Protein backbone atom coordinates (compact mmCIF):
# COMPACT_ATOMS: atom_id res chain seq x y z
CA UNK A 1 0.00 0.00 0.00
CA UNK A 2 2.91 2.46 -0.21
CA UNK A 3 1.45 3.70 -3.50
CA UNK A 4 -1.71 4.83 -1.70
CA UNK A 5 0.31 6.73 0.89
CA UNK A 6 2.41 8.41 -1.82
CA UNK A 7 -0.70 9.31 -3.80
CA UNK A 8 -2.47 10.79 -0.79
CA UNK A 9 0.59 12.71 0.40
CA UNK A 10 1.39 14.09 -3.06
CA UNK A 11 -2.22 15.05 -3.74
CA UNK A 12 -2.80 16.77 -0.41
CA UNK A 13 0.53 18.60 -0.45
CA UNK A 14 -0.06 19.85 -3.98
CA UNK A 15 -3.53 21.00 -3.01
CA UNK A 16 -2.32 23.09 -0.07
CA UNK A 17 0.34 24.71 -2.26
CA UNK A 18 -2.32 25.47 -4.85
CA UNK A 19 -4.58 27.04 -2.19
CA UNK A 20 -1.79 29.37 -1.07
CA UNK A 21 -1.06 30.47 -4.64
CA UNK A 22 -4.72 31.08 -5.39
CA UNK A 23 -5.27 33.02 -2.17
CA UNK A 24 -2.51 35.46 -3.01
CA UNK A 25 -3.50 35.68 -6.66
CA UNK A 26 -7.05 36.77 -5.87
CA UNK A 27 -6.82 38.49 -2.47
CA UNK A 28 -3.69 40.61 -2.79
CA UNK A 29 -5.09 43.02 -5.43
CA UNK A 30 -8.33 43.70 -3.49
CA UNK A 31 -9.00 46.64 -1.22
CA UNK A 32 -10.34 45.90 2.27
CA UNK A 33 -13.82 47.06 1.18
CA UNK A 34 -13.78 44.80 -1.87
CA UNK A 35 -12.50 41.87 0.16
CA UNK A 36 -15.38 41.94 2.66
CA UNK A 37 -18.29 42.77 0.35
CA UNK A 38 -21.04 40.12 0.18
CA UNK A 39 -21.91 39.88 -3.53
CA UNK A 40 -24.90 37.50 -3.28
CA UNK A 41 -27.89 37.58 -0.89
CA UNK A 42 -28.37 33.79 -0.77
CA UNK A 43 -26.65 30.74 0.71
CA UNK A 44 -27.27 26.99 0.20
CA UNK A 45 -24.54 25.55 2.50
CA UNK A 46 -26.56 22.87 4.39
CA UNK A 47 -28.22 21.55 1.24
CA UNK A 48 -24.86 21.40 -0.53
CA UNK A 49 -23.22 19.47 2.32
CA UNK A 50 -26.12 16.99 2.39
CA UNK A 51 -25.80 16.41 -1.36
CA UNK A 52 -22.04 15.86 -1.13
CA UNK A 53 -22.34 13.48 1.83
CA UNK A 54 -24.96 11.43 -0.02
CA UNK A 55 -22.72 11.29 -3.09
CA UNK A 56 -19.68 10.23 -1.04
CA UNK A 57 -21.66 7.42 0.56
CA UNK A 58 -22.60 6.08 -2.89
CA UNK A 59 -18.97 5.71 -4.00
CA UNK A 60 -17.57 2.20 -4.37
CA UNK A 61 -13.90 1.36 -3.88
CA UNK A 62 -13.26 1.41 -7.62
CA UNK A 63 -14.99 4.79 -8.02
CA UNK A 64 -12.45 6.88 -6.08
CA UNK A 65 -9.73 6.56 -8.71
CA UNK A 66 -11.99 7.21 -11.71
CA UNK A 67 -11.02 10.16 -13.87
CA UNK A 68 -12.53 13.56 -13.12
CA UNK A 69 -12.37 16.63 -15.31
CA UNK A 70 -13.87 20.09 -15.07
CA UNK A 71 -13.07 23.39 -16.71
CA UNK A 72 -12.32 25.17 -13.43
CA UNK A 73 -10.52 22.20 -11.85
CA UNK A 74 -7.62 21.41 -14.20
CA UNK A 75 -5.45 20.15 -11.31
CA UNK A 76 -8.00 17.51 -10.26
CA UNK A 77 -7.46 14.13 -11.89
CA UNK A 78 -9.81 11.78 -10.04
CA UNK A 79 -12.89 11.63 -7.83
CA UNK A 80 -10.91 11.38 -4.61
CA UNK A 81 -9.06 14.60 -5.40
CA UNK A 82 -12.23 16.56 -6.16
CA UNK A 83 -13.78 15.51 -2.87
CA UNK A 84 -10.63 16.61 -1.02
CA UNK A 85 -10.57 19.94 -2.87
CA UNK A 86 -14.25 20.54 -2.13
CA UNK A 87 -13.71 19.69 1.55
CA UNK A 88 -10.98 22.31 1.73
CA UNK A 89 -13.23 24.83 0.04
CA UNK A 90 -16.10 24.10 2.41
CA UNK A 91 -13.85 24.54 5.44
CA UNK A 92 -12.70 27.84 4.01
CA UNK A 93 -16.26 29.05 4.47
CA UNK A 94 -16.24 27.85 8.07
CA UNK A 95 -13.12 29.96 8.65
CA UNK A 96 -14.90 33.00 7.22
CA UNK A 97 -17.79 32.54 9.62
CA UNK A 98 -15.49 32.03 12.62
CA UNK A 99 -13.68 35.26 11.83
CA UNK A 100 -16.92 37.18 11.24
CA UNK A 101 -18.46 35.88 14.48
CA UNK A 102 -15.44 36.88 16.53
CA UNK A 103 -15.29 40.33 14.99
CA UNK A 104 -19.00 40.92 15.53
CA UNK A 105 -18.73 39.77 19.17
CA UNK A 106 -16.09 42.47 19.80
CA UNK A 107 -18.41 45.31 18.74
C-alpha atoms as a PDB file:
ATOM      1  CA  UNK A   1       0.000   0.000   0.000  1.00  0.00           C
ATOM      2  CA  UNK A   2       2.907   2.461  -0.212  1.00  0.00           C
ATOM      3  CA  UNK A   3       1.447   3.703  -3.504  1.00  0.00           C
ATOM      4  CA  UNK A   4      -1.710   4.831  -1.701  1.00  0.00           C
ATOM      5  CA  UNK A   5       0.311   6.729   0.889  1.00  0.00           C
ATOM      6  CA  UNK A   6       2.412   8.411  -1.816  1.00  0.00           C
ATOM      7  CA  UNK A   7      -0.700   9.310  -3.799  1.00  0.00           C
ATOM      8  CA  UNK A   8      -2.474  10.786  -0.785  1.00  0.00           C
ATOM      9  CA  UNK A   9       0.591  12.706   0.399  1.00  0.00           C
ATOM     10  CA  UNK A  10       1.393  14.091  -3.056  1.00  0.00           C
ATOM     11  CA  UNK A  11      -2.219  15.053  -3.743  1.00  0.00           C
ATOM     12  CA  UNK A  12      -2.800  16.775  -0.412  1.00  0.00           C
ATOM     13  CA  UNK A  13       0.535  18.604  -0.452  1.00  0.00           C
ATOM     14  CA  UNK A  14      -0.061  19.854  -3.980  1.00  0.00           C
ATOM     15  CA  UNK A  15      -3.533  20.999  -3.009  1.00  0.00           C
ATOM     16  CA  UNK A  16      -2.325  23.086  -0.066  1.00  0.00           C
ATOM     17  CA  UNK A  17       0.343  24.707  -2.259  1.00  0.00           C
ATOM     18  CA  UNK A  18      -2.322  25.470  -4.854  1.00  0.00           C
ATOM     19  CA  UNK A  19      -4.576  27.040  -2.189  1.00  0.00           C
ATOM     20  CA  UNK A  20      -1.792  29.372  -1.067  1.00  0.00           C
ATOM     21  CA  UNK A  21      -1.064  30.469  -4.640  1.00  0.00           C
ATOM     22  CA  UNK A  22      -4.724  31.081  -5.388  1.00  0.00           C
ATOM     23  CA  UNK A  23      -5.268  33.021  -2.174  1.00  0.00           C
ATOM     24  CA  UNK A  24      -2.507  35.461  -3.014  1.00  0.00           C
ATOM     25  CA  UNK A  25      -3.498  35.682  -6.660  1.00  0.00           C
ATOM     26  CA  UNK A  26      -7.055  36.775  -5.866  1.00  0.00           C
ATOM     27  CA  UNK A  27      -6.821  38.490  -2.472  1.00  0.00           C
ATOM     28  CA  UNK A  28      -3.688  40.615  -2.793  1.00  0.00           C
ATOM     29  CA  UNK A  29      -5.085  43.019  -5.428  1.00  0.00           C
ATOM     30  CA  UNK A  30      -8.331  43.701  -3.487  1.00  0.00           C
ATOM     31  CA  UNK A  31      -9.002  46.640  -1.222  1.00  0.00           C
ATOM     32  CA  UNK A  32     -10.338  45.904   2.270  1.00  0.00           C
ATOM     33  CA  UNK A  33     -13.819  47.056   1.176  1.00  0.00           C
ATOM     34  CA  UNK A  34     -13.784  44.797  -1.870  1.00  0.00           C
ATOM     35  CA  UNK A  35     -12.504  41.866   0.164  1.00  0.00           C
ATOM     36  CA  UNK A  36     -15.379  41.936   2.660  1.00  0.00           C
ATOM     37  CA  UNK A  37     -18.290  42.774   0.346  1.00  0.00           C
ATOM     38  CA  UNK A  38     -21.036  40.123   0.177  1.00  0.00           C
ATOM     39  CA  UNK A  39     -21.908  39.879  -3.530  1.00  0.00           C
ATOM     40  CA  UNK A  40     -24.897  37.502  -3.278  1.00  0.00           C
ATOM     41  CA  UNK A  41     -27.891  37.578  -0.894  1.00  0.00           C
ATOM     42  CA  UNK A  42     -28.371  33.792  -0.769  1.00  0.00           C
ATOM     43  CA  UNK A  43     -26.652  30.736   0.709  1.00  0.00           C
ATOM     44  CA  UNK A  44     -27.266  26.989   0.203  1.00  0.00           C
ATOM     45  CA  UNK A  45     -24.535  25.550   2.503  1.00  0.00           C
ATOM     46  CA  UNK A  46     -26.562  22.874   4.392  1.00  0.00           C
ATOM     47  CA  UNK A  47     -28.222  21.550   1.237  1.00  0.00           C
ATOM     48  CA  UNK A  48     -24.864  21.397  -0.527  1.00  0.00           C
ATOM     49  CA  UNK A  49     -23.225  19.467   2.316  1.00  0.00           C
ATOM     50  CA  UNK A  50     -26.120  16.987   2.393  1.00  0.00           C
ATOM     51  CA  UNK A  51     -25.797  16.409  -1.361  1.00  0.00           C
ATOM     52  CA  UNK A  52     -22.044  15.861  -1.127  1.00  0.00           C
ATOM     53  CA  UNK A  53     -22.343  13.477   1.829  1.00  0.00           C
ATOM     54  CA  UNK A  54     -24.964  11.430  -0.025  1.00  0.00           C
ATOM     55  CA  UNK A  55     -22.721  11.289  -3.089  1.00  0.00           C
ATOM     56  CA  UNK A  56     -19.684  10.232  -1.041  1.00  0.00           C
ATOM     57  CA  UNK A  57     -21.663   7.422   0.561  1.00  0.00           C
ATOM     58  CA  UNK A  58     -22.596   6.082  -2.888  1.00  0.00           C
ATOM     59  CA  UNK A  59     -18.969   5.706  -4.005  1.00  0.00           C
ATOM     60  CA  UNK A  60     -17.568   2.204  -4.369  1.00  0.00           C
ATOM     61  CA  UNK A  61     -13.901   1.357  -3.877  1.00  0.00           C
ATOM     62  CA  UNK A  62     -13.260   1.408  -7.616  1.00  0.00           C
ATOM     63  CA  UNK A  63     -14.988   4.790  -8.023  1.00  0.00           C
ATOM     64  CA  UNK A  64     -12.445   6.877  -6.077  1.00  0.00           C
ATOM     65  CA  UNK A  65      -9.728   6.561  -8.710  1.00  0.00           C
ATOM     66  CA  UNK A  66     -11.986   7.207 -11.713  1.00  0.00           C
ATOM     67  CA  UNK A  67     -11.019  10.163 -13.870  1.00  0.00           C
ATOM     68  CA  UNK A  68     -12.527  13.561 -13.123  1.00  0.00           C
ATOM     69  CA  UNK A  69     -12.367  16.629 -15.307  1.00  0.00           C
ATOM     70  CA  UNK A  70     -13.874  20.092 -15.071  1.00  0.00           C
ATOM     71  CA  UNK A  71     -13.067  23.393 -16.714  1.00  0.00           C
ATOM     72  CA  UNK A  72     -12.317  25.168 -13.432  1.00  0.00           C
ATOM     73  CA  UNK A  73     -10.523  22.204 -11.850  1.00  0.00           C
ATOM     74  CA  UNK A  74      -7.623  21.413 -14.195  1.00  0.00           C
ATOM     75  CA  UNK A  75      -5.449  20.147 -11.309  1.00  0.00           C
ATOM     76  CA  UNK A  76      -7.996  17.514 -10.264  1.00  0.00           C
ATOM     77  CA  UNK A  77      -7.465  14.130 -11.886  1.00  0.00           C
ATOM     78  CA  UNK A  78      -9.815  11.781 -10.037  1.00  0.00           C
ATOM     79  CA  UNK A  79     -12.890  11.627  -7.832  1.00  0.00           C
ATOM     80  CA  UNK A  80     -10.912  11.377  -4.607  1.00  0.00           C
ATOM     81  CA  UNK A  81      -9.065  14.601  -5.404  1.00  0.00           C
ATOM     82  CA  UNK A  82     -12.235  16.559  -6.162  1.00  0.00           C
ATOM     83  CA  UNK A  83     -13.781  15.510  -2.865  1.00  0.00           C
ATOM     84  CA  UNK A  84     -10.626  16.614  -1.020  1.00  0.00           C
ATOM     85  CA  UNK A  85     -10.574  19.940  -2.867  1.00  0.00           C
ATOM     86  CA  UNK A  86     -14.247  20.537  -2.129  1.00  0.00           C
ATOM     87  CA  UNK A  87     -13.712  19.688   1.546  1.00  0.00           C
ATOM     88  CA  UNK A  88     -10.979  22.314   1.730  1.00  0.00           C
ATOM     89  CA  UNK A  89     -13.234  24.827   0.039  1.00  0.00           C
ATOM     90  CA  UNK A  90     -16.098  24.099   2.415  1.00  0.00           C
ATOM     91  CA  UNK A  91     -13.846  24.540   5.438  1.00  0.00           C
ATOM     92  CA  UNK A  92     -12.703  27.844   4.014  1.00  0.00           C
ATOM     93  CA  UNK A  93     -16.264  29.053   4.470  1.00  0.00           C
ATOM     94  CA  UNK A  94     -16.237  27.847   8.069  1.00  0.00           C
ATOM     95  CA  UNK A  95     -13.125  29.961   8.645  1.00  0.00           C
ATOM     96  CA  UNK A  96     -14.895  33.002   7.217  1.00  0.00           C
ATOM     97  CA  UNK A  97     -17.794  32.538   9.621  1.00  0.00           C
ATOM     98  CA  UNK A  98     -15.486  32.030  12.616  1.00  0.00           C
ATOM     99  CA  UNK A  99     -13.681  35.260  11.830  1.00  0.00           C
ATOM    100  CA  UNK A 100     -16.918  37.185  11.237  1.00  0.00           C
ATOM    101  CA  UNK A 101     -18.465  35.880  14.478  1.00  0.00           C
ATOM    102  CA  UNK A 102     -15.436  36.883  16.531  1.00  0.00           C
ATOM    103  CA  UNK A 103     -15.289  40.331  14.989  1.00  0.00           C
ATOM    104  CA  UNK A 104     -19.000  40.923  15.534  1.00  0.00           C
ATOM    105  CA  UNK A 105     -18.732  39.769  19.169  1.00  0.00           C
ATOM    106  CA  UNK A 106     -16.093  42.470  19.798  1.00  0.00           C
ATOM    107  CA  UNK A 107     -18.412  45.307  18.735  1.00  0.00           C
END
